[in-house]
Amino acid sequence: MNSLLVWSAIALTALLGVIAFIRGLAMIARGRVMGAGIRAVFGVALIGLATFTALVALNLATYYNLTSEQTVVELTFEQTGPQRFKTWVRFPDGTFKEFALAGDEWQFDARVLKWDDRLTAIGFESLYRPDRLSGRFTEVIDETQQPHTVYKIAEHSGVDLWKLAQDYGHWIDFVDASYGSATYLPMTDGGRYTVTMGATGLISRPENEPAEEAVARWDSD
């Protein structure tokens, strides 16, 4: 998706709206109320459309293009107590975030947007955005009695198109699909995992020996 083209179209729409509104006010000054009202309403409608589109574009800027399988985050764990872990999340740009998770397993969630064939044909690519990191307990009794830890990974601004597509999908026909993807594996002291996003959703892989051993024990349970 060409962001320069999108923002240029938004700016042009807003400019046309301002011009129409100003001309409407000028016509009112000359006593041509009927025509002025139509121009003014048209101008306000264009300005509103440009504003809404800009807010959607701001929100989409928080997503990443999904062209092939790519790394979303790397997770590293240090156990601080029974079912308690300090967690470092490293992003592809090298930045880190630190969290405290409770549980036996970690879960990572992301949001995905796929466009319909019309937008895909003109170059719009599927998008994804990291959403949240949380701790899970293996035993149901722990899930009901132990504290839950969940953190939002990415901040977003503007109009949330993913949520709109979820709530009003029958009206927003240019979004082919909007869905959540999640992956989870066991937490272990010293474990390191990589989470990637592919065509089918999130994929997690152990990246060192402690993580591999934890996954082997987890699979055998």
N, C-alpha and C. Protein backbone atom coordinates (compact mmCIF):
# COMPACT_ATOMS: atom_id res chain seq x y z
N MET A 1 0.84 -1.17 0.00
CA MET A 1 0.00 0.00 0.00
C MET A 1 0.89 1.24 0.00
N ASN A 2 0.67 2.11 -0.96
CA ASN A 2 1.49 3.32 -1.10
C ASN A 2 0.97 4.39 -0.15
N SER A 3 1.67 4.60 0.97
CA SER A 3 1.19 5.54 1.98
C SER A 3 1.19 6.98 1.46
N LEU A 4 2.17 7.31 0.60
CA LEU A 4 2.21 8.66 0.04
C LEU A 4 0.97 8.93 -0.80
N LEU A 5 0.56 7.93 -1.59
CA LEU A 5 -0.63 8.08 -2.42
C LEU A 5 -1.87 8.24 -1.55
N VAL A 6 -1.97 7.44 -0.49
CA VAL A 6 -3.13 7.52 0.40
C VAL A 6 -3.22 8.89 1.06
N TRP A 7 -2.09 9.37 1.61
CA TRP A 7 -2.12 10.66 2.29
C TRP A 7 -2.33 11.81 1.31
N SER A 8 -1.86 11.67 0.09
CA SER A 8 -2.11 12.70 -0.93
C SER A 8 -3.60 12.76 -1.25
N ALA A 9 -4.25 11.59 -1.36
CA ALA A 9 -5.69 11.56 -1.63
C ALA A 9 -6.47 12.17 -0.47
N ILE A 10 -6.03 11.88 0.76
CA ILE A 10 -6.70 12.46 1.94
C ILE A 10 -6.57 13.98 1.93
N ALA A 11 -5.36 14.46 1.66
CA ALA A 11 -5.13 15.91 1.65
C ALA A 11 -5.95 16.58 0.56
N LEU A 12 -6.03 15.95 -0.63
CA LEU A 12 -6.81 16.53 -1.73
C LEU A 12 -8.29 16.57 -1.38
N THR A 13 -8.79 15.49 -0.77
CA THR A 13 -10.20 15.46 -0.37
C THR A 13 -10.50 16.55 0.65
N ALA A 14 -9.63 16.70 1.64
CA ALA A 14 -9.82 17.74 2.65
C ALA A 14 -9.77 19.13 2.02
N LEU A 15 -8.84 19.34 1.09
CA LEU A 15 -8.72 20.64 0.42
C LEU A 15 -9.97 20.97 -0.37
N LEU A 16 -10.50 19.99 -1.10
CA LEU A 16 -11.72 20.22 -1.87
C LEU A 16 -12.89 20.53 -0.92
N GLY A 17 -12.91 19.87 0.23
CA GLY A 17 -13.96 20.14 1.20
C GLY A 17 -13.88 21.55 1.75
N VAL A 18 -12.67 22.00 2.06
CA VAL A 18 -12.49 23.36 2.58
C VAL A 18 -12.89 24.39 1.53
N ILE A 19 -12.50 24.17 0.27
CA ILE A 19 -12.84 25.09 -0.81
C ILE A 19 -14.36 25.17 -0.98
N ALA A 20 -15.02 24.00 -0.98
CA ALA A 20 -16.48 23.98 -1.14
C ALA A 20 -17.16 24.69 0.02
N PHE A 21 -16.66 24.49 1.23
CA PHE A 21 -17.26 25.13 2.40
C PHE A 21 -17.09 26.65 2.34
N ILE A 22 -15.88 27.10 2.00
CA ILE A 22 -15.62 28.54 1.91
C ILE A 22 -16.48 29.19 0.83
N ARG A 23 -16.63 28.52 -0.31
CA ARG A 23 -17.48 29.05 -1.37
C ARG A 23 -18.94 29.12 -0.92
N GLY A 24 -19.34 28.13 -0.12
CA GLY A 24 -20.70 28.17 0.41
C GLY A 24 -20.91 29.38 1.30
N LEU A 25 -19.93 29.67 2.16
CA LEU A 25 -20.04 30.85 3.02
C LEU A 25 -20.08 32.13 2.20
N ALA A 26 -19.28 32.18 1.12
CA ALA A 26 -19.27 33.36 0.25
C ALA A 26 -20.62 33.56 -0.42
N MET A 27 -21.26 32.46 -0.82
CA MET A 27 -22.58 32.56 -1.45
C MET A 27 -23.63 33.03 -0.46
N ILE A 28 -23.49 32.63 0.80
CA ILE A 28 -24.41 33.12 1.83
C ILE A 28 -24.29 34.63 1.96
N ALA A 29 -23.05 35.11 1.91
CA ALA A 29 -22.83 36.56 2.02
C ALA A 29 -23.48 37.31 0.86
N ARG A 30 -23.63 36.65 -0.29
CA ARG A 30 -24.25 37.28 -1.44
C ARG A 30 -25.75 37.01 -1.51
N GLY A 31 -26.28 36.33 -0.48
CA GLY A 31 -27.71 36.11 -0.42
C GLY A 31 -28.20 34.87 -1.14
N ARG A 32 -27.32 34.03 -1.64
CA ARG A 32 -27.73 32.82 -2.37
C ARG A 32 -27.72 31.65 -1.39
N VAL A 33 -28.76 31.61 -0.55
CA VAL A 33 -28.78 30.69 0.57
C VAL A 33 -28.91 29.23 0.13
N MET A 34 -29.80 28.94 -0.83
CA MET A 34 -30.03 27.56 -1.23
C MET A 34 -28.75 26.90 -1.77
N GLY A 35 -28.15 27.52 -2.77
CA GLY A 35 -26.93 26.97 -3.33
C GLY A 35 -25.80 26.93 -2.32
N ALA A 36 -25.78 27.94 -1.44
CA ALA A 36 -24.73 27.99 -0.42
C ALA A 36 -24.84 26.80 0.54
N GLY A 37 -26.08 26.46 0.91
CA GLY A 37 -26.28 25.35 1.83
C GLY A 37 -25.78 24.04 1.26
N ILE A 38 -26.07 23.82 -0.03
CA ILE A 38 -25.62 22.58 -0.68
C ILE A 38 -24.11 22.51 -0.70
N ARG A 39 -23.45 23.62 -1.08
CA ARG A 39 -21.99 23.64 -1.13
C ARG A 39 -21.38 23.43 0.25
N ALA A 40 -21.97 24.09 1.24
CA ALA A 40 -21.43 23.99 2.59
C ALA A 40 -21.55 22.56 3.13
N VAL A 41 -22.72 21.93 2.91
CA VAL A 41 -22.91 20.55 3.37
C VAL A 41 -21.95 19.60 2.65
N PHE A 42 -21.78 19.81 1.33
CA PHE A 42 -20.86 18.99 0.56
C PHE A 42 -19.43 19.15 1.07
N GLY A 43 -19.07 20.40 1.38
CA GLY A 43 -17.72 20.65 1.90
C GLY A 43 -17.50 19.98 3.24
N VAL A 44 -18.48 20.07 4.14
CA VAL A 44 -18.36 19.43 5.45
C VAL A 44 -18.27 17.91 5.30
N ALA A 45 -19.05 17.35 4.34
CA ALA A 45 -19.01 15.90 4.11
C ALA A 45 -17.62 15.46 3.64
N LEU A 46 -17.01 16.24 2.73
CA LEU A 46 -15.67 15.90 2.25
C LEU A 46 -14.64 15.99 3.38
N ILE A 47 -14.76 17.03 4.19
CA ILE A 47 -13.83 17.18 5.31
C ILE A 47 -13.99 16.03 6.30
N GLY A 48 -15.24 15.63 6.55
CA GLY A 48 -15.49 14.50 7.45
C GLY A 48 -14.92 13.21 6.89
N LEU A 49 -15.09 13.00 5.57
CA LEU A 49 -14.55 11.80 4.93
C LEU A 49 -13.03 11.77 5.03
N ALA A 50 -12.41 12.93 4.78
CA ALA A 50 -10.94 13.01 4.85
C ALA A 50 -10.46 12.74 6.28
N THR A 51 -11.16 13.28 7.26
CA THR A 51 -10.78 13.08 8.66
C THR A 51 -10.88 11.62 9.05
N PHE A 52 -12.00 10.98 8.69
CA PHE A 52 -12.19 9.56 9.02
C PHE A 52 -11.13 8.70 8.35
N THR A 53 -10.86 8.98 7.07
CA THR A 53 -9.86 8.20 6.33
C THR A 53 -8.47 8.38 6.95
N ALA A 54 -8.17 9.62 7.38
CA ALA A 54 -6.87 9.87 8.01
C ALA A 54 -6.74 9.09 9.32
N LEU A 55 -7.82 9.01 10.10
CA LEU A 55 -7.77 8.26 11.36
C LEU A 55 -7.58 6.77 11.10
N VAL A 56 -8.22 6.25 10.05
CA VAL A 56 -8.02 4.84 9.69
C VAL A 56 -6.58 4.61 9.24
N ALA A 57 -6.05 5.55 8.43
CA ALA A 57 -4.67 5.42 7.94
C ALA A 57 -3.68 5.45 9.10
N LEU A 58 -3.93 6.29 10.10
CA LEU A 58 -3.06 6.34 11.28
C LEU A 58 -3.05 4.99 11.99
N ASN A 59 -4.22 4.36 12.10
CA ASN A 59 -4.30 3.06 12.75
C ASN A 59 -3.59 2.00 11.93
N LEU A 60 -3.76 2.00 10.61
CA LEU A 60 -3.11 1.00 9.77
C LEU A 60 -1.59 1.14 9.78
N ALA A 61 -1.11 2.35 10.09
CA ALA A 61 0.35 2.56 10.15
C ALA A 61 0.98 1.78 11.29
N THR A 62 0.17 1.30 12.25
CA THR A 62 0.70 0.50 13.35
C THR A 62 0.83 -0.97 12.97
N TYR A 63 0.38 -1.34 11.77
CA TYR A 63 0.47 -2.72 11.30
C TYR A 63 1.73 -2.90 10.43
N TYR A 64 2.09 -4.16 10.20
CA TYR A 64 3.22 -4.52 9.34
C TYR A 64 2.70 -5.28 8.12
N ASN A 65 3.36 -5.08 6.97
CA ASN A 65 2.98 -5.82 5.77
C ASN A 65 3.32 -7.30 5.94
N LEU A 66 2.39 -8.15 5.52
CA LEU A 66 2.59 -9.60 5.61
C LEU A 66 2.83 -10.13 4.20
N THR A 67 4.10 -10.12 3.79
CA THR A 67 4.44 -10.58 2.45
C THR A 67 5.04 -11.98 2.46
N SER A 68 5.69 -12.36 3.54
CA SER A 68 6.28 -13.69 3.69
C SER A 68 6.49 -13.92 5.17
N GLU A 69 6.87 -15.13 5.56
CA GLU A 69 7.09 -15.39 6.98
C GLU A 69 8.20 -14.49 7.51
N GLN A 70 7.92 -13.81 8.59
CA GLN A 70 8.89 -12.86 9.14
C GLN A 70 8.82 -12.85 10.65
N THR A 71 9.93 -12.50 11.27
CA THR A 71 10.02 -12.49 12.73
C THR A 71 9.18 -11.37 13.31
N VAL A 72 8.37 -11.71 14.31
CA VAL A 72 7.54 -10.72 15.00
C VAL A 72 8.23 -10.28 16.30
N VAL A 73 8.61 -11.27 17.13
CA VAL A 73 9.32 -10.97 18.38
C VAL A 73 10.20 -12.16 18.75
N GLU A 74 11.14 -11.90 19.65
CA GLU A 74 11.91 -12.96 20.30
C GLU A 74 11.66 -12.85 21.80
N LEU A 75 11.35 -13.96 22.45
CA LEU A 75 11.01 -13.98 23.87
C LEU A 75 12.07 -14.72 24.66
N THR A 76 12.51 -14.15 25.79
CA THR A 76 13.48 -14.78 26.67
C THR A 76 12.91 -14.76 28.09
N PHE A 77 13.11 -15.87 28.83
CA PHE A 77 12.49 -16.01 30.14
C PHE A 77 13.52 -16.28 31.24
N GLU A 78 13.24 -15.69 32.42
CA GLU A 78 14.03 -15.96 33.63
C GLU A 78 13.04 -16.25 34.75
N GLN A 79 13.16 -17.43 35.36
CA GLN A 79 12.23 -17.79 36.41
C GLN A 79 12.58 -17.04 37.69
N THR A 80 11.56 -16.44 38.32
CA THR A 80 11.77 -15.66 39.54
C THR A 80 11.08 -16.31 40.75
N GLY A 81 10.32 -17.38 40.51
CA GLY A 81 9.60 -18.07 41.57
C GLY A 81 8.72 -19.14 40.96
N PRO A 82 8.00 -19.90 41.80
CA PRO A 82 7.09 -20.93 41.27
C PRO A 82 6.05 -20.29 40.34
N GLN A 83 6.03 -20.72 39.08
CA GLN A 83 5.08 -20.22 38.08
C GLN A 83 5.16 -18.69 37.92
N ARG A 84 6.36 -18.15 38.11
CA ARG A 84 6.57 -16.71 37.93
C ARG A 84 7.82 -16.50 37.08
N PHE A 85 7.72 -15.65 36.08
CA PHE A 85 8.82 -15.45 35.14
C PHE A 85 8.96 -13.98 34.76
N LYS A 86 10.21 -13.56 34.68
CA LYS A 86 10.52 -12.27 34.07
C LYS A 86 10.71 -12.53 32.58
N THR A 87 10.10 -11.69 31.75
CA THR A 87 10.08 -11.94 30.30
C THR A 87 10.59 -10.73 29.55
N TRP A 88 11.52 -10.97 28.64
CA TRP A 88 12.01 -9.91 27.77
C TRP A 88 11.49 -10.15 26.35
N VAL A 89 10.91 -9.13 25.78
CA VAL A 89 10.40 -9.19 24.42
C VAL A 89 11.29 -8.31 23.54
N ARG A 90 11.94 -8.92 22.56
CA ARG A 90 12.79 -8.15 21.65
C ARG A 90 12.12 -8.08 20.28
N PHE A 91 12.00 -6.86 19.76
CA PHE A 91 11.37 -6.62 18.48
C PHE A 91 12.42 -6.61 17.36
N PRO A 92 11.99 -6.77 16.10
CA PRO A 92 12.95 -6.80 14.99
C PRO A 92 13.83 -5.56 14.89
N ASP A 93 13.35 -4.41 15.39
CA ASP A 93 14.17 -3.19 15.32
C ASP A 93 15.20 -3.11 16.44
N GLY A 94 15.27 -4.15 17.30
CA GLY A 94 16.27 -4.19 18.37
C GLY A 94 15.79 -3.67 19.70
N THR A 95 14.60 -3.10 19.77
CA THR A 95 14.08 -2.58 21.04
C THR A 95 13.55 -3.71 21.91
N PHE A 96 13.54 -3.46 23.24
CA PHE A 96 13.11 -4.46 24.21
C PHE A 96 11.97 -3.92 25.06
N LYS A 97 11.14 -4.85 25.55
CA LYS A 97 10.18 -4.55 26.60
C LYS A 97 10.26 -5.68 27.62
N GLU A 98 10.06 -5.33 28.88
CA GLU A 98 10.16 -6.32 29.96
C GLU A 98 8.82 -6.47 30.66
N PHE A 99 8.43 -7.73 30.94
CA PHE A 99 7.15 -8.01 31.59
C PHE A 99 7.34 -9.08 32.66
N ALA A 100 6.40 -9.15 33.58
CA ALA A 100 6.37 -10.21 34.58
C ALA A 100 5.14 -11.07 34.32
N LEU A 101 5.36 -12.36 34.02
CA LEU A 101 4.27 -13.27 33.68
C LEU A 101 4.09 -14.31 34.77
N ALA A 102 2.85 -14.67 35.01
CA ALA A 102 2.51 -15.75 35.94
C ALA A 102 1.92 -16.90 35.13
N GLY A 103 2.37 -18.13 35.42
CA GLY A 103 1.82 -19.28 34.72
C GLY A 103 2.87 -20.31 34.36
N ASP A 104 2.45 -21.28 33.56
CA ASP A 104 3.34 -22.33 33.07
C ASP A 104 3.70 -22.13 31.61
N GLU A 105 2.86 -21.40 30.89
CA GLU A 105 3.04 -21.18 29.45
C GLU A 105 2.87 -19.70 29.13
N TRP A 106 3.47 -19.29 28.03
CA TRP A 106 3.26 -17.94 27.53
C TRP A 106 2.38 -18.02 26.28
N GLN A 107 1.61 -16.97 26.05
CA GLN A 107 0.79 -16.89 24.83
C GLN A 107 0.99 -15.52 24.19
N PHE A 108 1.18 -15.53 22.88
CA PHE A 108 1.37 -14.30 22.12
C PHE A 108 0.25 -14.20 21.09
N ASP A 109 -0.39 -13.03 21.02
CA ASP A 109 -1.52 -12.81 20.10
C ASP A 109 -1.19 -11.69 19.12
N ALA A 110 -1.76 -11.79 17.94
CA ALA A 110 -1.62 -10.75 16.92
C ALA A 110 -2.95 -10.57 16.19
N ARG A 111 -3.10 -9.41 15.55
CA ARG A 111 -4.27 -9.14 14.72
C ARG A 111 -3.86 -9.18 13.25
N VAL A 112 -4.75 -9.66 12.41
CA VAL A 112 -4.46 -9.79 10.98
C VAL A 112 -5.60 -9.18 10.17
N LEU A 113 -5.24 -8.41 9.14
CA LEU A 113 -6.20 -7.84 8.20
C LEU A 113 -5.86 -8.32 6.79
N LYS A 114 -6.85 -8.87 6.10
CA LYS A 114 -6.67 -9.27 4.70
C LYS A 114 -7.71 -8.53 3.85
N TRP A 115 -7.25 -8.01 2.71
CA TRP A 115 -8.12 -7.21 1.86
C TRP A 115 -8.82 -8.08 0.82
N ASP A 116 -9.90 -7.57 0.24
CA ASP A 116 -10.59 -8.32 -0.80
C ASP A 116 -9.80 -8.26 -2.11
N ASP A 117 -10.26 -8.99 -3.10
CA ASP A 117 -9.51 -9.13 -4.35
C ASP A 117 -9.29 -7.79 -5.06
N ARG A 118 -10.24 -6.86 -4.91
CA ARG A 118 -10.10 -5.57 -5.60
C ARG A 118 -8.89 -4.80 -5.09
N LEU A 119 -8.75 -4.72 -3.78
CA LEU A 119 -7.61 -4.00 -3.21
C LEU A 119 -6.31 -4.77 -3.37
N THR A 120 -6.39 -6.10 -3.28
CA THR A 120 -5.19 -6.91 -3.48
C THR A 120 -4.64 -6.71 -4.89
N ALA A 121 -5.53 -6.58 -5.87
CA ALA A 121 -5.12 -6.43 -7.27
C ALA A 121 -4.36 -5.13 -7.51
N ILE A 122 -4.62 -4.11 -6.70
CA ILE A 122 -3.93 -2.83 -6.90
C ILE A 122 -2.77 -2.64 -5.92
N GLY A 123 -2.38 -3.72 -5.24
CA GLY A 123 -1.15 -3.67 -4.45
C GLY A 123 -1.32 -3.65 -2.95
N PHE A 124 -2.54 -3.74 -2.42
CA PHE A 124 -2.72 -3.78 -0.97
C PHE A 124 -2.31 -5.15 -0.44
N GLU A 125 -1.43 -5.17 0.56
CA GLU A 125 -0.94 -6.43 1.12
C GLU A 125 -1.60 -6.70 2.47
N SER A 126 -1.68 -7.97 2.83
CA SER A 126 -2.21 -8.33 4.15
C SER A 126 -1.35 -7.67 5.23
N LEU A 127 -1.98 -7.34 6.34
CA LEU A 127 -1.30 -6.63 7.42
C LEU A 127 -1.45 -7.40 8.73
N TYR A 128 -0.47 -7.24 9.62
CA TYR A 128 -0.60 -7.81 10.96
C TYR A 128 -0.04 -6.83 11.97
N ARG A 129 -0.51 -6.96 13.20
CA ARG A 129 0.01 -6.13 14.29
C ARG A 129 0.11 -6.96 15.56
N PRO A 130 1.27 -7.00 16.23
CA PRO A 130 1.35 -7.67 17.53
C PRO A 130 0.32 -7.08 18.48
N ASP A 131 -0.32 -7.94 19.27
CA ASP A 131 -1.42 -7.44 20.09
C ASP A 131 -1.15 -7.57 21.58
N ARG A 132 -0.94 -8.80 22.07
CA ARG A 132 -0.77 -8.95 23.52
C ARG A 132 0.08 -10.17 23.87
N LEU A 133 0.63 -10.13 25.09
CA LEU A 133 1.40 -11.23 25.67
C LEU A 133 0.76 -11.58 27.00
N SER A 134 0.56 -12.86 27.25
CA SER A 134 -0.09 -13.26 28.49
C SER A 134 0.49 -14.56 29.02
N GLY A 135 0.23 -14.82 30.30
CA GLY A 135 0.63 -16.07 30.92
C GLY A 135 -0.55 -17.04 31.00
N ARG A 136 -0.27 -18.33 30.84
CA ARG A 136 -1.29 -19.36 30.91
C ARG A 136 -0.89 -20.41 31.95
N PHE A 137 -1.89 -21.04 32.54
CA PHE A 137 -1.63 -22.14 33.48
C PHE A 137 -2.06 -23.45 32.84
N THR A 138 -1.27 -24.49 33.03
CA THR A 138 -1.59 -25.80 32.45
C THR A 138 -2.83 -26.40 33.08
N GLU A 139 -2.93 -26.30 34.39
CA GLU A 139 -4.04 -26.89 35.12
C GLU A 139 -5.22 -25.91 35.19
N VAL A 140 -6.42 -26.45 34.99
CA VAL A 140 -7.63 -25.62 34.99
C VAL A 140 -7.83 -24.96 36.36
N ILE A 141 -7.53 -25.68 37.42
CA ILE A 141 -7.72 -25.12 38.76
C ILE A 141 -6.83 -23.90 38.97
N ASP A 142 -5.62 -23.94 38.41
CA ASP A 142 -4.74 -22.77 38.50
C ASP A 142 -5.30 -21.61 37.68
N GLU A 143 -5.87 -21.91 36.52
CA GLU A 143 -6.46 -20.87 35.68
C GLU A 143 -7.58 -20.14 36.43
N THR A 144 -8.30 -20.86 37.26
CA THR A 144 -9.43 -20.24 37.96
C THR A 144 -9.02 -19.55 39.26
N GLN A 145 -7.87 -19.96 39.84
CA GLN A 145 -7.51 -19.44 41.17
C GLN A 145 -6.28 -18.54 41.17
N GLN A 146 -5.38 -18.73 40.20
CA GLN A 146 -4.15 -17.94 40.18
C GLN A 146 -4.36 -16.61 39.45
N PRO A 147 -3.52 -15.60 39.75
CA PRO A 147 -3.66 -14.31 39.07
C PRO A 147 -3.31 -14.40 37.59
N HIS A 148 -4.05 -13.69 36.76
CA HIS A 148 -3.78 -13.66 35.33
C HIS A 148 -2.93 -12.44 34.99
N THR A 149 -1.96 -12.63 34.13
CA THR A 149 -1.11 -11.52 33.69
C THR A 149 -1.23 -11.40 32.17
N VAL A 150 -1.58 -10.23 31.71
CA VAL A 150 -1.73 -9.98 30.28
C VAL A 150 -1.32 -8.54 29.99
N TYR A 151 -0.57 -8.36 28.90
CA TYR A 151 -0.03 -7.04 28.57
C TYR A 151 -0.29 -6.73 27.10
N LYS A 152 -0.62 -5.48 26.84
CA LYS A 152 -0.76 -5.03 25.46
C LYS A 152 0.64 -4.76 24.92
N ILE A 153 0.94 -5.32 23.75
CA ILE A 153 2.27 -5.21 23.18
C ILE A 153 2.43 -3.94 22.36
N ALA A 154 1.43 -3.60 21.56
CA ALA A 154 1.55 -2.47 20.63
C ALA A 154 0.47 -1.43 20.91
N GLU A 155 0.88 -0.17 20.94
CA GLU A 155 -0.09 0.92 21.07
C GLU A 155 -0.67 1.22 19.69
N HIS A 156 -1.90 1.70 19.65
CA HIS A 156 -2.50 2.07 18.37
C HIS A 156 -3.23 3.39 18.50
N SER A 157 -3.40 4.06 17.38
CA SER A 157 -4.08 5.35 17.36
C SER A 157 -5.08 5.36 16.21
N GLY A 158 -5.90 6.39 16.16
CA GLY A 158 -6.85 6.52 15.07
C GLY A 158 -8.02 5.56 15.20
N VAL A 159 -8.75 5.39 14.11
CA VAL A 159 -9.91 4.51 14.07
C VAL A 159 -9.46 3.07 13.88
N ASP A 160 -9.90 2.17 14.74
CA ASP A 160 -9.48 0.77 14.72
C ASP A 160 -10.26 0.01 13.65
N LEU A 161 -9.68 -0.10 12.45
CA LEU A 161 -10.36 -0.78 11.34
C LEU A 161 -10.58 -2.25 11.65
N TRP A 162 -9.66 -2.89 12.37
CA TRP A 162 -9.81 -4.30 12.72
C TRP A 162 -11.08 -4.50 13.55
N LYS A 163 -11.30 -3.62 14.52
CA LYS A 163 -12.50 -3.74 15.37
C LYS A 163 -13.75 -3.42 14.56
N LEU A 164 -13.68 -2.42 13.68
CA LEU A 164 -14.83 -2.10 12.83
C LEU A 164 -15.19 -3.27 11.93
N ALA A 165 -14.16 -3.92 11.38
CA ALA A 165 -14.41 -5.07 10.50
C ALA A 165 -15.02 -6.23 11.29
N GLN A 166 -14.63 -6.36 12.56
CA GLN A 166 -15.21 -7.40 13.41
C GLN A 166 -16.69 -7.12 13.68
N ASP A 167 -17.00 -5.86 13.96
CA ASP A 167 -18.36 -5.50 14.37
C ASP A 167 -19.30 -5.24 13.20
N TYR A 168 -18.75 -4.72 12.09
CA TYR A 168 -19.60 -4.32 10.97
C TYR A 168 -19.08 -4.89 9.65
N GLY A 169 -18.69 -6.16 9.68
CA GLY A 169 -18.11 -6.79 8.50
C GLY A 169 -19.04 -6.80 7.30
N HIS A 170 -20.38 -6.83 7.54
CA HIS A 170 -21.33 -6.86 6.42
C HIS A 170 -21.40 -5.51 5.71
N TRP A 171 -20.89 -4.46 6.34
CA TRP A 171 -20.85 -3.14 5.70
C TRP A 171 -19.47 -2.85 5.10
N ILE A 172 -18.44 -3.34 5.75
CA ILE A 172 -17.07 -3.06 5.30
C ILE A 172 -16.61 -4.21 4.40
N ASP A 173 -17.04 -4.16 3.13
CA ASP A 173 -16.80 -5.29 2.25
C ASP A 173 -15.41 -5.30 1.62
N PHE A 174 -14.61 -4.24 1.85
CA PHE A 174 -13.27 -4.23 1.26
C PHE A 174 -12.26 -4.98 2.13
N VAL A 175 -12.67 -5.39 3.34
CA VAL A 175 -11.85 -6.25 4.19
C VAL A 175 -12.33 -7.68 4.01
N ASP A 176 -11.48 -8.53 3.46
CA ASP A 176 -11.86 -9.91 3.20
C ASP A 176 -11.92 -10.71 4.50
N ALA A 177 -11.00 -10.43 5.42
CA ALA A 177 -10.98 -11.15 6.70
C ALA A 177 -10.23 -10.34 7.73
N SER A 178 -10.73 -10.36 8.95
CA SER A 178 -10.01 -9.77 10.08
C SER A 178 -10.10 -10.78 11.22
N TYR A 179 -8.97 -11.26 11.67
CA TYR A 179 -9.00 -12.32 12.66
C TYR A 179 -7.79 -12.22 13.58
N GLY A 180 -7.90 -12.90 14.70
CA GLY A 180 -6.79 -12.96 15.63
C GLY A 180 -6.03 -14.26 15.45
N SER A 181 -4.74 -14.20 15.69
CA SER A 181 -3.89 -15.39 15.64
C SER A 181 -3.11 -15.46 16.94
N ALA A 182 -2.97 -16.67 17.47
CA ALA A 182 -2.28 -16.83 18.75
C ALA A 182 -1.38 -18.07 18.71
N THR A 183 -0.32 -18.03 19.50
CA THR A 183 0.57 -19.17 19.66
C THR A 183 1.03 -19.23 21.10
N TYR A 184 1.29 -20.43 21.61
CA TYR A 184 1.76 -20.54 22.99
C TYR A 184 2.66 -21.76 23.15
N LEU A 185 3.62 -21.65 24.08
CA LEU A 185 4.56 -22.71 24.42
C LEU A 185 4.93 -22.56 25.90
N PRO A 186 5.60 -23.55 26.48
CA PRO A 186 5.91 -23.49 27.91
C PRO A 186 6.98 -22.46 28.24
N MET A 187 6.84 -21.84 29.40
CA MET A 187 7.89 -20.97 29.93
C MET A 187 8.89 -21.82 30.70
N THR A 188 10.15 -21.45 30.62
CA THR A 188 11.19 -22.17 31.36
C THR A 188 12.36 -21.22 31.61
N ASP A 189 13.07 -21.46 32.70
CA ASP A 189 14.20 -20.60 33.05
C ASP A 189 15.28 -20.66 31.97
N GLY A 190 15.64 -19.50 31.42
CA GLY A 190 16.66 -19.43 30.38
C GLY A 190 16.16 -19.73 28.98
N GLY A 191 14.88 -20.03 28.84
CA GLY A 191 14.34 -20.38 27.53
C GLY A 191 14.24 -19.18 26.59
N ARG A 192 14.49 -19.44 25.32
CA ARG A 192 14.36 -18.38 24.30
C ARG A 192 13.56 -18.92 23.13
N TYR A 193 12.59 -18.13 22.68
CA TYR A 193 11.71 -18.52 21.59
C TYR A 193 11.64 -17.40 20.55
N THR A 194 11.36 -17.80 19.32
CA THR A 194 11.10 -16.83 18.25
C THR A 194 9.66 -17.01 17.79
N VAL A 195 8.96 -15.90 17.63
CA VAL A 195 7.59 -15.91 17.08
C VAL A 195 7.63 -15.26 15.71
N THR A 196 7.13 -15.98 14.72
CA THR A 196 7.08 -15.44 13.36
C THR A 196 5.62 -15.40 12.89
N MET A 197 5.38 -14.59 11.86
CA MET A 197 4.06 -14.53 11.24
C MET A 197 4.18 -15.03 9.82
N GLY A 198 3.35 -16.00 9.46
CA GLY A 198 3.32 -16.53 8.11
C GLY A 198 1.93 -16.44 7.52
N ALA A 199 1.74 -17.05 6.39
CA ALA A 199 0.45 -16.97 5.69
C ALA A 199 -0.67 -17.60 6.51
N THR A 200 -0.34 -18.58 7.36
CA THR A 200 -1.38 -19.26 8.14
C THR A 200 -1.53 -18.69 9.55
N GLY A 201 -0.70 -17.71 9.92
CA GLY A 201 -0.79 -17.12 11.24
C GLY A 201 0.53 -17.17 11.99
N LEU A 202 0.45 -17.04 13.30
CA LEU A 202 1.66 -17.03 14.13
C LEU A 202 2.26 -18.42 14.28
N ILE A 203 3.60 -18.47 14.33
CA ILE A 203 4.35 -19.71 14.52
C ILE A 203 5.41 -19.44 15.58
N SER A 204 5.54 -20.33 16.56
CA SER A 204 6.56 -20.16 17.59
C SER A 204 7.53 -21.33 17.56
N ARG A 205 8.81 -21.03 17.80
CA ARG A 205 9.86 -22.05 17.75
C ARG A 205 10.83 -21.86 18.91
N PRO A 206 11.25 -22.95 19.56
CA PRO A 206 12.31 -22.85 20.58
C PRO A 206 13.64 -22.57 19.91
N GLU A 207 14.46 -21.71 20.54
CA GLU A 207 15.72 -21.28 19.92
C GLU A 207 16.96 -21.67 20.70
N ASN A 208 16.80 -22.31 21.87
CA ASN A 208 17.98 -22.78 22.60
C ASN A 208 17.62 -24.06 23.35
N GLU A 209 18.62 -24.65 23.99
CA GLU A 209 18.43 -25.96 24.62
C GLU A 209 17.39 -25.96 25.73
N PRO A 210 17.39 -24.97 26.67
CA PRO A 210 16.34 -24.98 27.70
C PRO A 210 14.93 -24.94 27.11
N ALA A 211 14.74 -24.15 26.06
CA ALA A 211 13.42 -24.08 25.43
C ALA A 211 13.06 -25.39 24.76
N GLU A 212 14.01 -26.00 24.06
CA GLU A 212 13.76 -27.27 23.38
C GLU A 212 13.40 -28.36 24.39
N GLU A 213 14.12 -28.41 25.52
CA GLU A 213 13.82 -29.41 26.54
C GLU A 213 12.44 -29.19 27.17
N ALA A 214 12.09 -27.91 27.38
CA ALA A 214 10.78 -27.60 27.94
C ALA A 214 9.65 -28.02 27.00
N VAL A 215 9.84 -27.79 25.71
CA VAL A 215 8.84 -28.18 24.71
C VAL A 215 8.72 -29.69 24.64
N ALA A 216 9.85 -30.40 24.72
CA ALA A 216 9.84 -31.87 24.69
C ALA A 216 9.06 -32.43 25.89
N ARG A 217 9.29 -31.86 27.09
CA ARG A 217 8.56 -32.32 28.28
C ARG A 217 7.07 -31.99 28.15
N TRP A 218 6.79 -30.80 27.61
CA TRP A 218 5.41 -30.32 27.46
C TRP A 218 4.65 -31.20 26.46
N ASP A 219 5.31 -31.59 25.38
CA ASP A 219 4.66 -32.45 24.37
C ASP A 219 4.37 -33.84 24.90
N SER A 220 5.22 -34.31 25.83
CA SER A 220 5.06 -35.67 26.33
C SER A 220 4.00 -35.79 27.43
N ASP A 221 3.58 -34.65 27.99
CA ASP A 221 2.58 -34.65 29.06
C ASP A 221 1.19 -35.00 28.53
